[in-house]
Amino acid sequence: MNITNNDLDAEGSGRDVQTGQMYRTRIATKMKAEVKLLRLRQAQMRQLAADIAGTFYSATVVDPTTGAQVTKSFYTSERPFGAQRLNRDTGEPYYDGVAFAMIER
């Protein structure tokens, strides 16, 4: 998981066109977690898909700025399921390379 904090600026933020001076009014900082999973069995994929399918969902992550676990509300707009493959021995499907972003509400 790769975590980034993104600043949200107020509408009037930006550069002065004559001086180039930057003016910012930060209204919030939101977390974005890029999640990449190597291999998931069918049951795990089904559970993950259900967990992130709602408009918003809660997830607990470790905040890199504090080292503490925090529970936040996130959304995921794209849900790529990776490559679907079959286990040669069992015939059970599994998924390689599942990746998605969890964006703080």
Protein backbone atom coordinates (compact mmCIF):
# COMPACT_ATOMS: atom_id res chain seq x y z
CA MET A 1 0.00 0.00 0.00
CA ASN A 2 1.34 3.40 -0.99
CA ILE A 3 -0.16 6.29 1.01
CA THR A 4 -0.25 9.92 -0.14
CA ASN A 5 -1.75 12.94 1.60
CA ASN A 6 -3.42 15.35 -0.83
CA ASP A 7 -4.21 18.97 -0.01
CA LEU A 8 -7.55 20.43 -1.07
CA ASP A 9 -7.31 24.15 -1.73
CA ALA A 10 -10.04 26.75 -1.63
CA GLU A 11 -11.38 28.12 -4.90
CA GLY A 12 -9.33 31.36 -4.80
CA SER A 13 -5.98 29.57 -4.50
CA GLY A 14 -3.47 29.90 -7.32
CA ARG A 15 -0.67 32.03 -8.73
CA ASP A 16 -0.76 35.76 -9.22
CA VAL A 17 -0.42 36.17 -13.00
CA GLN A 18 1.80 39.26 -12.69
CA THR A 19 4.19 38.29 -9.90
CA GLY A 20 4.02 34.50 -9.99
CA GLN A 21 3.46 34.49 -6.23
CA MET A 22 1.52 31.44 -5.04
CA TYR A 23 -1.50 31.99 -2.79
CA ARG A 24 -3.10 29.01 -1.07
CA THR A 25 -5.89 28.44 1.34
CA ARG A 26 -5.84 24.78 2.37
CA ILE A 27 -9.30 23.62 3.38
CA ALA A 28 -8.44 19.97 4.08
CA THR A 29 -5.88 17.22 3.69
CA LYS A 30 -7.17 13.85 2.47
CA MET A 31 -5.47 10.47 2.41
CA LYS A 32 -5.18 8.35 -0.71
CA ALA A 33 -3.97 4.75 -0.45
CA GLU A 34 -2.92 2.89 -3.60
CA VAL A 35 -3.47 -0.80 -2.81
CA LYS A 36 -1.84 -3.61 -4.81
CA LEU A 37 -2.48 -7.27 -4.05
CA LEU A 38 -0.56 -10.18 -5.55
CA ARG A 39 -2.88 -13.18 -5.57
CA LEU A 40 -6.41 -13.59 -4.25
CA ARG A 41 -8.53 -16.72 -4.22
CA GLN A 42 -12.10 -16.45 -5.53
CA ALA A 43 -13.62 -16.16 -2.04
CA GLN A 44 -11.17 -13.40 -1.07
CA MET A 45 -11.87 -11.52 -4.30
CA ARG A 46 -15.62 -11.78 -3.75
CA GLN A 47 -15.24 -10.42 -0.18
CA LEU A 48 -12.96 -7.56 -1.25
CA ALA A 49 -15.31 -6.60 -4.09
CA ALA A 50 -18.22 -6.51 -1.64
CA ASP A 51 -16.20 -4.50 0.92
CA ILE A 52 -15.35 -1.68 -1.52
CA ALA A 53 -18.55 -1.73 -3.60
CA GLY A 54 -20.49 0.82 -1.56
CA THR A 55 -20.48 4.53 -2.23
CA PHE A 56 -18.40 4.93 0.94
CA TYR A 57 -16.84 2.37 3.29
CA SER A 58 -14.74 2.38 6.46
CA ALA A 59 -11.21 1.05 6.53
CA THR A 60 -8.49 1.03 9.17
CA VAL A 61 -5.00 2.00 8.01
CA VAL A 62 -1.76 3.05 9.66
CA ASP A 63 -1.28 6.81 9.34
CA PRO A 64 2.36 7.34 8.29
CA THR A 65 2.50 10.76 9.99
CA THR A 66 1.59 9.40 13.43
CA GLY A 67 2.25 5.65 13.21
CA ALA A 68 -1.20 5.06 14.71
CA GLN A 69 -4.06 3.04 13.28
CA VAL A 70 -6.92 5.25 12.12
CA THR A 71 -10.33 4.38 10.78
CA LYS A 72 -11.54 6.64 8.00
CA SER A 73 -14.30 6.76 5.42
CA PHE A 74 -13.08 6.05 1.88
CA TYR A 75 -14.45 5.60 -1.62
CA THR A 76 -13.11 3.72 -4.63
CA SER A 77 -14.13 4.85 -8.09
CA GLU A 78 -12.34 2.19 -10.17
CA ARG A 79 -12.27 -1.47 -9.19
CA PRO A 80 -9.95 -3.42 -11.51
CA PHE A 81 -9.93 -7.07 -10.55
CA GLY A 82 -6.61 -7.99 -12.13
CA ALA A 83 -6.01 -11.02 -14.30
CA GLN A 84 -8.33 -13.95 -13.68
CA ARG A 85 -6.49 -17.25 -13.79
CA LEU A 86 -7.31 -20.88 -13.01
CA ASN A 87 -5.40 -23.06 -10.59
CA ARG A 88 -4.26 -26.04 -12.68
CA ASP A 89 -4.61 -28.49 -9.78
CA THR A 90 -8.01 -27.45 -8.43
CA GLY A 91 -9.61 -25.54 -11.32
CA GLU A 92 -10.44 -22.75 -8.84
CA PRO A 93 -10.15 -19.21 -10.19
CA TYR A 94 -7.77 -16.74 -8.60
CA TYR A 95 -6.84 -13.14 -9.37
CA ASP A 96 -3.37 -11.69 -9.94
CA GLY A 97 -2.50 -8.00 -9.74
CA VAL A 98 -5.62 -6.58 -8.12
CA ALA A 99 -5.05 -2.83 -7.65
CA PHE A 100 -7.31 0.01 -6.54
CA ALA A 101 -7.21 3.38 -4.78
CA MET A 102 -8.88 4.14 -1.47
CA ILE A 103 -9.60 7.89 -1.41
CA GLU A 104 -10.61 9.55 1.85
CA ARG A 105 -14.08 11.01 1.83
